[in-house]
Amino acid sequence: MDYSPKIGNNPFLQGFYFLTGFGHQAVIVFFVISGFCIHLNYMRNRVHGWGSYFIRRFFRIYPPYLAAFLIFFFFWGWWRQEDAPQQFITHVLGIHNLDKGTVFGVNPAFWSIGVEIQLYPIIS
């Protein structure tokens, strides 16, 4: 998205846009570094195998995610929305990032958790 017409000649806004305009690239770098760290962690502890690694990672990520999701869903009123059943099911299953209607639904920050939940079984 090009914000240059809205920024104009304001040096503060130009500087802010420059510093924050690399979000997509930062996400790619984040996933590359995460993939490296996942493999590094596994290689250091490979005595127990991928299955136990997957179970440890799943229970480290999913319970806090589920708690945060339930808080946002029920306390912020998402349960009253028209698409609440779809939001609830896709978020609980960790597949909300596969549908453009649910990817940023309950909390936009949750999109990356769906990717993580889907990638761990692939690498294990």
PDB file of N, CA and C in Angstrom:
ATOM      1  N   MET A   1       0.855  -1.173   0.000  1.00  0.00           N
ATOM      2  CA  MET A   1       0.000   0.000   0.000  1.00  0.00           C
ATOM      3  C   MET A   1       0.894   1.227   0.000  1.00  0.00           C
ATOM      4  N   ASP A   2       0.560   2.179  -0.825  1.00  0.00           N
ATOM      5  CA  ASP A   2       1.357   3.390  -0.937  1.00  0.00           C
ATOM      6  C   ASP A   2       0.704   4.514  -0.144  1.00  0.00           C
ATOM      7  N   TYR A   3       1.396   4.949   0.902  1.00  0.00           N
ATOM      8  CA  TYR A   3       0.874   6.021   1.743  1.00  0.00           C
ATOM      9  C   TYR A   3       1.463   7.382   1.379  1.00  0.00           C
ATOM     10  N   SER A   4       2.286   7.449   0.347  1.00  0.00           N
ATOM     11  CA  SER A   4       2.988   8.693   0.036  1.00  0.00           C
ATOM     12  C   SER A   4       2.061   9.886  -0.179  1.00  0.00           C
ATOM     13  N   PRO A   5       0.875   9.750  -0.810  1.00  0.00           N
ATOM     14  CA  PRO A   5       0.013  10.938  -0.921  1.00  0.00           C
ATOM     15  C   PRO A   5      -0.454  11.456   0.437  1.00  0.00           C
ATOM     16  N   LYS A   6      -0.602  10.570   1.414  1.00  0.00           N
ATOM     17  CA  LYS A   6      -1.060  10.987   2.741  1.00  0.00           C
ATOM     18  C   LYS A   6       0.076  11.558   3.585  1.00  0.00           C
ATOM     19  N   ILE A   7       1.303  11.140   3.285  1.00  0.00           N
ATOM     20  CA  ILE A   7       2.455  11.591   4.051  1.00  0.00           C
ATOM     21  C   ILE A   7       2.875  12.990   3.639  1.00  0.00           C
ATOM     22  N   GLY A   8       2.866  13.235   2.346  1.00  0.00           N
ATOM     23  CA  GLY A   8       3.253  14.544   1.840  1.00  0.00           C
ATOM     24  C   GLY A   8       4.717  14.850   2.111  1.00  0.00           C
ATOM     25  N   ASN A   9       5.007  16.070   2.484  1.00  0.00           N
ATOM     26  CA  ASN A   9       6.387  16.506   2.746  1.00  0.00           C
ATOM     27  C   ASN A   9       6.715  16.564   4.230  1.00  0.00           C
ATOM     28  N   ASN A  10       5.912  15.961   5.054  1.00  0.00           N
ATOM     29  CA  ASN A  10       6.143  15.967   6.487  1.00  0.00           C
ATOM     30  C   ASN A  10       7.328  15.053   6.808  1.00  0.00           C
ATOM     31  N   PRO A  11       8.458  15.617   7.265  1.00  0.00           N
ATOM     32  CA  PRO A  11       9.644  14.785   7.512  1.00  0.00           C
ATOM     33  C   PRO A  11       9.444  13.750   8.617  1.00  0.00           C
ATOM     34  N   PHE A  12       8.648  14.077   9.633  1.00  0.00           N
ATOM     35  CA  PHE A  12       8.386  13.105  10.693  1.00  0.00           C
ATOM     36  C   PHE A  12       7.659  11.894  10.131  1.00  0.00           C
ATOM     37  N   LEU A  13       6.589  12.128   9.368  1.00  0.00           N
ATOM     38  CA  LEU A  13       5.829  11.023   8.790  1.00  0.00           C
ATOM     39  C   LEU A  13       6.648  10.244   7.776  1.00  0.00           C
ATOM     40  N   GLN A  14       7.494  10.932   7.009  1.00  0.00           N
ATOM     41  CA  GLN A  14       8.362  10.238   6.054  1.00  0.00           C
ATOM     42  C   GLN A  14       9.333   9.315   6.783  1.00  0.00           C
ATOM     43  N   GLY A  15       9.914   9.799   7.872  1.00  0.00           N
ATOM     44  CA  GLY A  15      10.836   8.988   8.660  1.00  0.00           C
ATOM     45  C   GLY A  15      10.126   7.811   9.310  1.00  0.00           C
ATOM     46  N   PHE A  16       8.935   8.060   9.852  1.00  0.00           N
ATOM     47  CA  PHE A  16       8.163   6.986  10.472  1.00  0.00           C
ATOM     48  C   PHE A  16       7.799   5.924   9.447  1.00  0.00           C
ATOM     49  N   TYR A  17       7.352   6.348   8.273  1.00  0.00           N
ATOM     50  CA  TYR A  17       6.992   5.396   7.221  1.00  0.00           C
ATOM     51  C   TYR A  17       8.212   4.594   6.775  1.00  0.00           C
ATOM     52  N   PHE A  18       9.349   5.235   6.670  1.00  0.00           N
ATOM     53  CA  PHE A  18      10.569   4.527   6.272  1.00  0.00           C
ATOM     54  C   PHE A  18      10.934   3.459   7.307  1.00  0.00           C
ATOM     55  N   LEU A  19      10.864   3.809   8.588  1.00  0.00           N
ATOM     56  CA  LEU A  19      11.249   2.872   9.640  1.00  0.00           C
ATOM     57  C   LEU A  19      10.260   1.724   9.814  1.00  0.00           C
ATOM     58  N   THR A  20       9.003   1.945   9.499  1.00  0.00           N
ATOM     59  CA  THR A  20       7.992   0.907   9.721  1.00  0.00           C
ATOM     60  C   THR A  20       7.493   0.268   8.430  1.00  0.00           C
ATOM     61  N   GLY A  21       8.042   0.638   7.298  1.00  0.00           N
ATOM     62  CA  GLY A  21       7.548   0.154   6.019  1.00  0.00           C
ATOM     63  C   GLY A  21       8.097  -1.183   5.574  1.00  0.00           C
ATOM     64  N   PHE A  22       8.839  -1.870   6.424  1.00  0.00           N
ATOM     65  CA  PHE A  22       9.450  -3.136   6.042  1.00  0.00           C
ATOM     66  C   PHE A  22       8.790  -4.330   6.728  1.00  0.00           C
ATOM     67  N   GLY A  23       7.516  -4.218   7.038  1.00  0.00           N
ATOM     68  CA  GLY A  23       6.811  -5.269   7.769  1.00  0.00           C
ATOM     69  C   GLY A  23       6.803  -6.611   7.075  1.00  0.00           C
ATOM     70  N   HIS A  24       6.531  -6.624   5.771  1.00  0.00           N
ATOM     71  CA  HIS A  24       6.477  -7.900   5.051  1.00  0.00           C
ATOM     72  C   HIS A  24       7.841  -8.588   5.044  1.00  0.00           C
ATOM     73  N   GLN A  25       8.881  -7.819   4.802  1.00  0.00           N
ATOM     74  CA  GLN A  25      10.223  -8.385   4.795  1.00  0.00           C
ATOM     75  C   GLN A  25      10.614  -8.875   6.186  1.00  0.00           C
ATOM     76  N   ALA A  26      10.200  -8.157   7.210  1.00  0.00           N
ATOM     77  CA  ALA A  26      10.521  -8.563   8.578  1.00  0.00           C
ATOM     78  C   ALA A  26       9.847  -9.885   8.927  1.00  0.00           C
ATOM     79  N   VAL A  27       8.628 -10.104   8.439  1.00  0.00           N
ATOM     80  CA  VAL A  27       7.933 -11.359   8.706  1.00  0.00           C
ATOM     81  C   VAL A  27       8.674 -12.514   8.038  1.00  0.00           C
ATOM     82  N   ILE A  28       9.135 -12.321   6.824  1.00  0.00           N
ATOM     83  CA  ILE A  28       9.886 -13.371   6.129  1.00  0.00           C
ATOM     84  C   ILE A  28      11.167 -13.698   6.886  1.00  0.00           C
ATOM     85  N   VAL A  29      11.888 -12.671   7.307  1.00  0.00           N
ATOM     86  CA  VAL A  29      13.116 -12.893   8.075  1.00  0.00           C
ATOM     87  C   VAL A  29      12.793 -13.601   9.387  1.00  0.00           C
ATOM     88  N   PHE A  30      11.701 -13.221  10.037  1.00  0.00           N
ATOM     89  CA  PHE A  30      11.284 -13.870  11.281  1.00  0.00           C
ATOM     90  C   PHE A  30      11.059 -15.361  11.075  1.00  0.00           C
ATOM     91  N   PHE A  31      10.362 -15.736  10.006  1.00  0.00           N
ATOM     92  CA  PHE A  31      10.098 -17.147   9.761  1.00  0.00           C
ATOM     93  C   PHE A  31      11.368 -17.917   9.402  1.00  0.00           C
ATOM     94  N   VAL A  32      12.286 -17.296   8.702  1.00  0.00           N
ATOM     95  CA  VAL A  32      13.555 -17.959   8.386  1.00  0.00           C
ATOM     96  C   VAL A  32      14.342 -18.202   9.676  1.00  0.00           C
ATOM     97  N   ILE A  33      14.444 -17.185  10.506  1.00  0.00           N
ATOM     98  CA  ILE A  33      15.172 -17.333  11.776  1.00  0.00           C
ATOM     99  C   ILE A  33      14.467 -18.348  12.674  1.00  0.00           C
ATOM    100  N   SER A  34      13.136 -18.320  12.703  1.00  0.00           N
ATOM    101  CA  SER A  34      12.391 -19.294  13.512  1.00  0.00           C
ATOM    102  C   SER A  34      12.652 -20.713  13.035  1.00  0.00           C
ATOM    103  N   GLY A  35      12.652 -20.914  11.719  1.00  0.00           N
ATOM    104  CA  GLY A  35      12.932 -22.240  11.174  1.00  0.00           C
ATOM    105  C   GLY A  35      14.316 -22.722  11.557  1.00  0.00           C
ATOM    106  N   PHE A  36      15.293 -21.817  11.503  1.00  0.00           N
ATOM    107  CA  PHE A  36      16.654 -22.166  11.912  1.00  0.00           C
ATOM    108  C   PHE A  36      16.684 -22.543  13.392  1.00  0.00           C
ATOM    109  N   CYS A  37      16.039 -21.737  14.219  1.00  0.00           N
ATOM    110  CA  CYS A  37      16.044 -22.000  15.668  1.00  0.00           C
ATOM    111  C   CYS A  37      15.307 -23.297  16.004  1.00  0.00           C
ATOM    112  N   ILE A  38      14.233 -23.584  15.288  1.00  0.00           N
ATOM    113  CA  ILE A  38      13.502 -24.832  15.526  1.00  0.00           C
ATOM    114  C   ILE A  38      14.409 -26.020  15.243  1.00  0.00           C
ATOM    115  N   HIS A  39      15.098 -25.977  14.100  1.00  0.00           N
ATOM    116  CA  HIS A  39      16.001 -27.083  13.760  1.00  0.00           C
ATOM    117  C   HIS A  39      17.187 -27.159  14.717  1.00  0.00           C
ATOM    118  N   LEU A  40      17.730 -26.017  15.090  1.00  0.00           N
ATOM    119  CA  LEU A  40      18.857 -25.996  16.022  1.00  0.00           C
ATOM    120  C   LEU A  40      18.455 -26.611  17.350  1.00  0.00           C
ATOM    121  N   ASN A  41      17.285 -26.221  17.844  1.00  0.00           N
ATOM    122  CA  ASN A  41      16.789 -26.757  19.103  1.00  0.00           C
ATOM    123  C   ASN A  41      16.590 -28.268  18.997  1.00  0.00           C
ATOM    124  N   TYR A  42      16.030 -28.729  17.876  1.00  0.00           N
ATOM    125  CA  TYR A  42      15.831 -30.160  17.698  1.00  0.00           C
ATOM    126  C   TYR A  42      17.171 -30.889  17.629  1.00  0.00           C
ATOM    127  N   MET A  43      18.118 -30.353  16.898  1.00  0.00           N
ATOM    128  CA  MET A  43      19.413 -31.024  16.738  1.00  0.00           C
ATOM    129  C   MET A  43      20.147 -31.144  18.081  1.00  0.00           C
ATOM    130  N   ARG A  44      19.946 -30.189  18.942  1.00  0.00           N
ATOM    131  CA  ARG A  44      20.587 -30.251  20.259  1.00  0.00           C
ATOM    132  C   ARG A  44      19.927 -31.279  21.166  1.00  0.00           C
ATOM    133  N   ASN A  45      18.646 -31.558  20.943  1.00  0.00           N
ATOM    134  CA  ASN A  45      17.880 -32.446  21.818  1.00  0.00           C
ATOM    135  C   ASN A  45      17.233 -33.592  21.047  1.00  0.00           C
ATOM    136  N   ARG A  46      17.898 -34.137  20.070  1.00  0.00           N
ATOM    137  CA  ARG A  46      17.271 -35.131  19.199  1.00  0.00           C
ATOM    138  C   ARG A  46      17.180 -36.528  19.804  1.00  0.00           C
ATOM    139  N   VAL A  47      17.575 -36.689  21.031  1.00  0.00           N
ATOM    140  CA  VAL A  47      17.511 -37.987  21.693  1.00  0.00           C
ATOM    141  C   VAL A  47      16.085 -38.523  21.717  1.00  0.00           C
ATOM    142  N   HIS A  48      15.122 -37.650  21.915  1.00  0.00           N
ATOM    143  CA  HIS A  48      13.728 -38.066  22.076  1.00  0.00           C
ATOM    144  C   HIS A  48      12.950 -38.111  20.765  1.00  0.00           C
ATOM    145  N   GLY A  49      13.483 -37.596  19.684  1.00  0.00           N
ATOM    146  CA  GLY A  49      12.827 -37.649  18.381  1.00  0.00           C
ATOM    147  C   GLY A  49      11.882 -36.497  18.120  1.00  0.00           C
ATOM    148  N   TRP A  50      11.388 -36.457  16.871  1.00  0.00           N
ATOM    149  CA  TRP A  50      10.511 -35.377  16.428  1.00  0.00           C
ATOM    150  C   TRP A  50       9.153 -35.412  17.113  1.00  0.00           C
ATOM    151  N   GLY A  51       8.643 -36.590  17.378  1.00  0.00           N
ATOM    152  CA  GLY A  51       7.315 -36.689  17.993  1.00  0.00           C
ATOM    153  C   GLY A  51       7.249 -36.003  19.339  1.00  0.00           C
ATOM    154  N   SER A  52       8.225 -36.294  20.182  1.00  0.00           N
ATOM    155  CA  SER A  52       8.223 -35.652  21.502  1.00  0.00           C
ATOM    156  C   SER A  52       8.524 -34.158  21.382  1.00  0.00           C
ATOM    157  N   TYR A  53       9.338 -33.795  20.384  1.00  0.00           N
ATOM    158  CA  TYR A  53       9.619 -32.373  20.159  1.00  0.00           C
ATOM    159  C   TYR A  53       8.335 -31.641  19.768  1.00  0.00           C
ATOM    160  N   PHE A  54       7.570 -32.250  18.855  1.00  0.00           N
ATOM    161  CA  PHE A  54       6.313 -31.645  18.432  1.00  0.00           C
ATOM    162  C   PHE A  54       5.361 -31.485  19.611  1.00  0.00           C
ATOM    163  N   ILE A  55       5.239 -32.509  20.419  1.00  0.00           N
ATOM    164  CA  ILE A  55       4.325 -32.450  21.574  1.00  0.00           C
ATOM    165  C   ILE A  55       4.752 -31.350  22.543  1.00  0.00           C
ATOM    166  N   ARG A  56       6.053 -31.253  22.812  1.00  0.00           N
ATOM    167  CA  ARG A  56       6.546 -30.185  23.707  1.00  0.00           C
ATOM    168  C   ARG A  56       6.236 -28.807  23.141  1.00  0.00           C
ATOM    169  N   ARG A  57       6.504 -28.603  21.851  1.00  0.00           N
ATOM    170  CA  ARG A  57       6.270 -27.301  21.233  1.00  0.00           C
ATOM    171  C   ARG A  57       4.768 -26.979  21.193  1.00  0.00           C
ATOM    172  N   PHE A  58       3.959 -27.996  20.854  1.00  0.00           N
ATOM    173  CA  PHE A  58       2.525 -27.772  20.782  1.00  0.00           C
ATOM    174  C   PHE A  58       1.993 -27.313  22.134  1.00  0.00           C
ATOM    175  N   PHE A  59       2.373 -27.996  23.202  1.00  0.00           N
ATOM    176  CA  PHE A  59       1.852 -27.633  24.517  1.00  0.00           C
ATOM    177  C   PHE A  59       2.515 -26.385  25.091  1.00  0.00           C
ATOM    178  N   ARG A  60       3.570 -25.924  24.476  1.00  0.00           N
ATOM    179  CA  ARG A  60       4.147 -24.650  24.872  1.00  0.00           C
ATOM    180  C   ARG A  60       3.413 -23.494  24.197  1.00  0.00           C
ATOM    181  N   ILE A  61       2.937 -23.715  22.977  1.00  0.00           N
ATOM    182  CA  ILE A  61       2.310 -22.648  22.202  1.00  0.00           C
ATOM    183  C   ILE A  61       0.784 -22.650  22.317  1.00  0.00           C
ATOM    184  N   TYR A  62       0.155 -23.807  22.178  1.00  0.00           N
ATOM    185  CA  TYR A  62      -1.300 -23.860  22.050  1.00  0.00           C
ATOM    186  C   TYR A  62      -2.073 -23.438  23.303  1.00  0.00           C
ATOM    187  N   PRO A  63      -1.747 -23.905  24.502  1.00  0.00           N
ATOM    188  CA  PRO A  63      -2.547 -23.473  25.670  1.00  0.00           C
ATOM    189  C   PRO A  63      -2.571 -21.955  25.889  1.00  0.00           C
ATOM    190  N   PRO A  64      -1.430 -21.247  25.821  1.00  0.00           N
ATOM    191  CA  PRO A  64      -1.524 -19.786  25.972  1.00  0.00           C
ATOM    192  C   PRO A  64      -2.302 -19.129  24.826  1.00  0.00           C
ATOM    193  N   TYR A  65      -2.115 -19.665  23.607  1.00  0.00           N
ATOM    194  CA  TYR A  65      -2.872 -19.142  22.469  1.00  0.00           C
ATOM    195  C   TYR A  65      -4.370 -19.339  22.696  1.00  0.00           C
ATOM    196  N   LEU A  66      -4.758 -20.539  23.113  1.00  0.00           N
ATOM    197  CA  LEU A  66      -6.175 -20.825  23.332  1.00  0.00           C
ATOM    198  C   LEU A  66      -6.750 -19.931  24.427  1.00  0.00           C
ATOM    199  N   ALA A  67      -6.004 -19.731  25.489  1.00  0.00           N
ATOM    200  CA  ALA A  67      -6.466 -18.843  26.568  1.00  0.00           C
ATOM    201  C   ALA A  67      -6.655 -17.415  26.048  1.00  0.00           C
ATOM    202  N   ALA A  68      -5.676 -16.918  25.299  1.00  0.00           N
ATOM    203  CA  ALA A  68      -5.787 -15.564  24.741  1.00  0.00           C
ATOM    204  C   ALA A  68      -6.954 -15.474  23.769  1.00  0.00           C
ATOM    205  N   PHE A  69      -7.111 -16.495  22.926  1.00  0.00           N
ATOM    206  CA  PHE A  69      -8.228 -16.496  21.981  1.00  0.00           C
ATOM    207  C   PHE A  69      -9.566 -16.447  22.714  1.00  0.00           C
ATOM    208  N   LEU A  70      -9.738 -17.283  23.720  1.00  0.00           N
ATOM    209  CA  LEU A  70     -11.008 -17.318  24.455  1.00  0.00           C
ATOM    210  C   LEU A  70     -11.291 -15.993  25.139  1.00  0.00           C
ATOM    211  N   ILE A  71     -10.261 -15.360  25.678  1.00  0.00           N
ATOM    212  CA  ILE A  71     -10.443 -14.038  26.299  1.00  0.00           C
ATOM    213  C   ILE A  71     -10.922 -13.033  25.265  1.00  0.00           C
ATOM    214  N   PHE A  72     -10.233 -12.979  24.114  1.00  0.00           N
ATOM    215  CA  PHE A  72     -10.651 -12.042  23.071  1.00  0.00           C
ATOM    216  C   PHE A  72     -12.042 -12.380  22.542  1.00  0.00           C
ATOM    217  N   PHE A  73     -12.309 -13.645  22.355  1.00  0.00           N
ATOM    218  CA  PHE A  73     -13.586 -14.052  21.760  1.00  0.00           C
ATOM    219  C   PHE A  73     -14.760 -13.716  22.670  1.00  0.00           C
ATOM    220  N   PHE A  74     -14.644 -14.039  23.947  1.00  0.00           N
ATOM    221  CA  PHE A  74     -15.788 -13.854  24.842  1.00  0.00           C
ATOM    222  C   PHE A  74     -15.826 -12.491  25.523  1.00  0.00           C
ATOM    223  N   PHE A  75     -14.685 -11.961  25.936  1.00  0.00           N
ATOM    224  CA  PHE A  75     -14.699 -10.695  26.665  1.00  0.00           C
ATOM    225  C   PHE A  75     -14.739  -9.474  25.757  1.00  0.00           C
ATOM    226  N   TRP A  76     -14.299  -9.617  24.516  1.00  0.00           N
ATOM    227  CA  TRP A  76     -14.351  -8.499  23.584  1.00  0.00           C
ATOM    228  C   TRP A  76     -15.556  -8.591  22.659  1.00  0.00           C
ATOM    229  N   GLY A  77     -16.436  -9.538  22.908  1.00  0.00           N
ATOM    230  CA  GLY A  77     -17.710  -9.594  22.211  1.00  0.00           C
ATOM    231  C   GLY A  77     -17.717 -10.229  20.834  1.00  0.00           C
ATOM    232  N   TRP A  78     -16.684 -10.962  20.488  1.00  0.00           N
ATOM    233  CA  TRP A  78     -16.683 -11.609  19.172  1.00  0.00           C
ATOM    234  C   TRP A  78     -17.780 -12.656  19.058  1.00  0.00           C
ATOM    235  N   TRP A  79     -18.219 -13.210  20.153  1.00  0.00           N
ATOM    236  CA  TRP A  79     -19.245 -14.244  20.115  1.00  0.00           C
ATOM    237  C   TRP A  79     -20.581 -13.706  19.607  1.00  0.00           C
ATOM    238  N   ARG A  80     -20.736 -12.388  19.604  1.00  0.00           N
ATOM    239  CA  ARG A  80     -21.969 -11.772  19.110  1.00  0.00           C
ATOM    240  C   ARG A  80     -21.938 -11.495  17.614  1.00  0.00           C
ATOM    241  N   GLN A  81     -20.798 -11.678  16.979  1.00  0.00           N
ATOM    242  CA  GLN A  81     -20.672 -11.389  15.551  1.00  0.00           C
ATOM    243  C   GLN A  81     -21.393 -12.447  14.715  1.00  0.00           C
ATOM    244  N   GLU A  82     -21.757 -12.065  13.511  1.00  0.00           N
ATOM    245  CA  GLU A  82     -22.464 -12.974  12.617  1.00  0.00           C
ATOM    246  C   GLU A  82     -21.627 -14.203  12.260  1.00  0.00           C
ATOM    247  N   ASP A  83     -20.328 -14.008  12.101  1.00  0.00           N
ATOM    248  CA  ASP A  83     -19.455 -15.122  11.714  1.00  0.00           C
ATOM    249  C   ASP A  83     -18.777 -15.783  12.917  1.00  0.00           C
ATOM    250  N   ALA A  84     -19.352 -15.644  14.092  1.00  0.00           N
ATOM    251  CA  ALA A  84     -18.751 -16.184  15.309  1.00  0.00           C
ATOM    252  C   ALA A  84     -18.500 -17.684  15.248  1.00  0.00           C
ATOM    253  N   PRO A  85     -19.423 -18.508  14.768  1.00  0.00           N
ATOM    254  CA  PRO A  85     -19.137 -19.954  14.720  1.00  0.00           C
ATOM    255  C   PRO A  85     -17.921 -20.277  13.845  1.00  0.00           C
ATOM    256  N   GLN A  86     -17.835 -19.642  12.686  1.00  0.00           N
ATOM    257  CA  GLN A  86     -16.689 -19.884  11.800  1.00  0.00           C
ATOM    258  C   GLN A  86     -15.388 -19.396  12.447  1.00  0.00           C
ATOM    259  N   GLN A  87     -15.428 -18.221  13.063  1.00  0.00           N
ATOM    260  CA  GLN A  87     -14.243 -17.699  13.739  1.00  0.00           C
ATOM    261  C   GLN A  87     -13.803 -18.655  14.848  1.00  0.00           C
ATOM    262  N   PHE A  88     -14.758 -19.110  15.633  1.00  0.00           N
ATOM    263  CA  PHE A  88     -14.440 -19.972  16.770  1.00  0.00           C
ATOM    264  C   PHE A  88     -13.815 -21.286  16.301  1.00  0.00           C
ATOM    265  N   ILE A  89     -14.455 -21.962  15.376  1.00  0.00           N
ATOM    266  CA  ILE A  89     -13.969 -23.268  14.916  1.00  0.00           C
ATOM    267  C   ILE A  89     -12.597 -23.154  14.265  1.00  0.00           C
ATOM    268  N   THR A  90     -12.427 -22.188  13.359  1.00  0.00           N
ATOM    269  CA  THR A  90     -11.136 -22.082  12.666  1.00  0.00           C
ATOM    270  C   THR A  90     -10.016 -21.683  13.605  1.00  0.00           C
ATOM    271  N   HIS A  91     -10.302 -20.829  14.591  1.00  0.00           N
ATOM    272  CA  HIS A  91      -9.255 -20.440  15.536  1.00  0.00           C
ATOM    273  C   HIS A  91      -8.887 -21.591  16.469  1.00  0.00           C
ATOM    274  N   VAL A  92      -9.863 -22.324  16.955  1.00  0.00           N
ATOM    275  CA  VAL A  92      -9.567 -23.445  17.850  1.00  0.00           C
ATOM    276  C   VAL A  92      -8.753 -24.518  17.120  1.00  0.00           C
ATOM    277  N   LEU A  93      -9.075 -24.753  15.851  1.00  0.00           N
ATOM    278  CA  LEU A  93      -8.338 -25.746  15.067  1.00  0.00           C
ATOM    279  C   LEU A  93      -7.000 -25.223  14.539  1.00  0.00           C
ATOM    280  N   GLY A  94      -6.772 -23.926  14.646  1.00  0.00           N
ATOM    281  CA  GLY A  94      -5.522 -23.345  14.178  1.00  0.00           C
ATOM    282  C   GLY A  94      -5.437 -23.222  12.671  1.00  0.00           C
ATOM    283  N   ILE A  95      -6.573 -23.108  12.009  1.00  0.00           N
ATOM    284  CA  ILE A  95      -6.580 -22.977  10.552  1.00  0.00           C
ATOM    285  C   ILE A  95      -7.199 -21.645  10.110  1.00  0.00           C
ATOM    286  N   HIS A  96      -7.305 -20.712  11.007  1.00  0.00           N
ATOM    287  CA  HIS A  96      -7.928 -19.425  10.710  1.00  0.00           C
ATOM    288  C   HIS A  96      -7.151 -18.621   9.677  1.00  0.00           C
ATOM    289  N   ASN A  97      -5.873 -18.892   9.527  1.00  0.00           N
ATOM    290  CA  ASN A  97      -5.061 -18.146   8.568  1.00  0.00           C
ATOM    291  C   ASN A  97      -5.272 -18.620   7.131  1.00  0.00           C
ATOM    292  N   LEU A  98      -6.037 -19.671   6.922  1.00  0.00           N
ATOM    293  CA  LEU A  98      -6.266 -20.203   5.585  1.00  0.00           C
ATOM    294  C   LEU A  98      -7.468 -19.554   4.890  1.00  0.00           C
ATOM    295  N   ASP A  99      -8.206 -18.725   5.594  1.00  0.00           N
ATOM    296  CA  ASP A  99      -9.397 -18.082   5.037  1.00  0.00           C
ATOM    297  C   ASP A  99      -9.271 -16.575   5.231  1.00  0.00           C
ATOM    298  N   LYS A 100      -9.445 -15.822   4.156  1.00  0.00           N
ATOM    299  CA  LYS A 100      -9.291 -14.367   4.278  1.00  0.00           C
ATOM    300  C   LYS A 100     -10.352 -13.735   5.180  1.00  0.00           C
ATOM    301  N   GLY A 101     -11.453 -14.435   5.433  1.00  0.00           N
ATOM    302  CA  GLY A 101     -12.478 -13.918   6.327  1.00  0.00           C
ATOM    303  C   GLY A 101     -12.175 -14.127   7.799  1.00  0.00           C
ATOM    304  N   THR A 102     -11.265 -15.054   8.109  1.00  0.00           N
ATOM    305  CA  THR A 102     -10.962 -15.335   9.510  1.00  0.00           C
ATOM    306  C   THR A 102      -9.516 -15.025   9.889  1.00  0.00           C
ATOM    307  N   VAL A 103      -8.660 -14.783   8.913  1.00  0.00           N
ATOM    308  CA  VAL A 103      -7.236 -14.630   9.200  1.00  0.00           C
ATOM    309  C   VAL A 103      -6.958 -13.492  10.189  1.00  0.00           C
ATOM    310  N   PHE A 104      -7.632 -12.382  10.056  1.00  0.00           N
ATOM    311  CA  PHE A 104      -7.440 -11.256  10.970  1.00  0.00           C
ATOM    312  C   PHE A 104      -8.674 -11.013  11.832  1.00  0.00           C
ATOM    313  N   GLY A 105      -9.489 -12.050  12.018  1.00  0.00           N
ATOM    314  CA  GLY A 105     -10.785 -11.915  12.674  1.00  0.00           C
ATOM    315  C   GLY A 105     -10.768 -11.491  14.117  1.00  0.00           C
ATOM    316  N   VAL A 106     -10.490 -12.394  15.002  1.00  0.00           N
ATOM    317  CA  VAL A 106     -10.638 -12.123  16.437  1.00  0.00           C
ATOM    318  C   VAL A 106      -9.522 -11.212  16.938  1.00  0.00           C
ATOM    319  N   ASN A 107      -8.301 -11.518  16.587  1.00  0.00           N
ATOM    320  CA  ASN A 107      -7.145 -10.690  16.936  1.00  0.00           C
ATOM    321  C   ASN A 107      -6.156 -10.816  15.785  1.00  0.00           C
ATOM    322  N   PRO A 108      -5.847  -9.738  15.097  1.00  0.00           N
ATOM    323  CA  PRO A 108      -4.969  -9.829  13.930  1.00  0.00           C
ATOM    324  C   PRO A 108      -3.612 -10.468  14.224  1.00  0.00           C
ATOM    325  N   ALA A 109      -3.137 -10.374  15.430  1.00  0.00           N
ATOM    326  CA  ALA A 109      -1.830 -10.950  15.758  1.00  0.00           C
ATOM    327  C   ALA A 109      -1.845 -12.473  15.774  1.00  0.00           C
ATOM    328  N   PHE A 110      -3.013 -13.074  15.817  1.00  0.00           N
ATOM    329  CA  PHE A 110      -3.107 -14.535  15.885  1.00  0.00           C
ATOM    330  C   PHE A 110      -2.783 -15.232  14.562  1.00  0.00           C
ATOM    331  N   TRP A 111      -2.665 -14.498  13.453  1.00  0.00           N
ATOM    332  CA  TRP A 111      -2.445 -15.154  12.159  1.00  0.00           C
ATOM    333  C   TRP A 111      -1.175 -15.998  12.186  1.00  0.00           C
ATOM    334  N   SER A 112      -0.142 -15.535  12.869  1.00  0.00           N
ATOM    335  CA  SER A 112       1.130 -16.272  12.850  1.00  0.00           C
ATOM    336  C   SER A 112       1.062 -17.546  13.688  1.00  0.00           C
ATOM    337  N   ILE A 113       0.190 -17.584  14.681  1.00  0.00           N
ATOM    338  CA  ILE A 113       0.040 -18.798  15.483  1.00  0.00           C
ATOM    339  C   ILE A 113      -0.528 -19.918  14.624  1.00  0.00           C
ATOM    340  N   GLY A 114      -1.474 -19.582  13.743  1.00  0.00           N
ATOM    341  CA  GLY A 114      -2.004 -20.578  12.822  1.00  0.00           C
ATOM    342  C   GLY A 114      -0.917 -21.169  11.945  1.00  0.00           C
ATOM    343  N   VAL A 115      -0.021 -20.326  11.469  1.00  0.00           N
ATOM    344  CA  VAL A 115       1.093 -20.804  10.639  1.00  0.00           C
ATOM    345  C   VAL A 115       1.984 -21.733  11.455  1.00  0.00           C
ATOM    346  N   GLU A 116       2.302 -21.346  12.681  1.00  0.00           N
ATOM    347  CA  GLU A 116       3.147 -22.197  13.524  1.00  0.00           C
ATOM    348  C   GLU A 116       2.489 -23.550  13.793  1.00  0.00           C
ATOM    349  N   ILE A 117       1.204 -23.533  14.134  1.00  0.00           N
ATOM    350  CA  ILE A 117       0.492 -24.778  14.425  1.00  0.00           C
ATOM    351  C   ILE A 117       0.523 -25.698  13.205  1.00  0.00           C
ATOM    352  N   GLN A 118       0.456 -25.126  12.018  1.00  0.00           N
ATOM    353  CA  GLN A 118       0.462 -25.929  10.794  1.00  0.00           C
ATOM    354  C   GLN A 118       1.867 -26.396  10.415  1.00  0.00           C
ATOM    355  N   LEU A 119       2.888 -25.620  10.738  1.00  0.00           N
ATOM    356  CA  LEU A 119       4.250 -25.983  10.341  1.00  0.00           C
ATOM    357  C   LEU A 119       4.862 -27.050  11.233  1.00  0.00           C
ATOM    358  N   TYR A 120       4.550 -27.088  12.506  1.00  0.00           N
ATOM    359  CA  TYR A 120       5.164 -28.072  13.387  1.00  0.00           C
ATOM    360  C   TYR A 120       4.886 -29.505  12.969  1.00  0.00           C
ATOM    361  N   PRO A 121       3.655 -29.883  12.599  1.00  0.00           N
ATOM    362  CA  PRO A 121       3.472 -31.273  12.136  1.00  0.00           C
ATOM    363  C   PRO A 121       4.232 -31.563  10.839  1.00  0.00           C
ATOM    364  N   ILE A 122       4.392 -30.554  10.005  1.00  0.00           N
ATOM    365  CA  ILE A 122       5.109 -30.765   8.748  1.00  0.00           C
ATOM    366  C   ILE A 122       6.583 -31.089   9.006  1.00  0.00           C
ATOM    367  N   ILE A 123       7.183 -30.365   9.943  1.00  0.00           N
ATOM    368  CA  ILE A 123       8.606 -30.609  10.207  1.00  0.00           C
ATOM    369  C   ILE A 123       8.835 -31.762  11.182  1.00  0.00           C
ATOM    370  N   SER A 124       7.765 -32.220  11.832  1.00  0.00           N
ATOM    371  CA  SER A 124       7.964 -33.357  12.722  1.00  0.00           C
ATOM    372  C   SER A 124       7.483 -34.590  12.030  1.00  0.00           C
TER     373      SER A 124
END
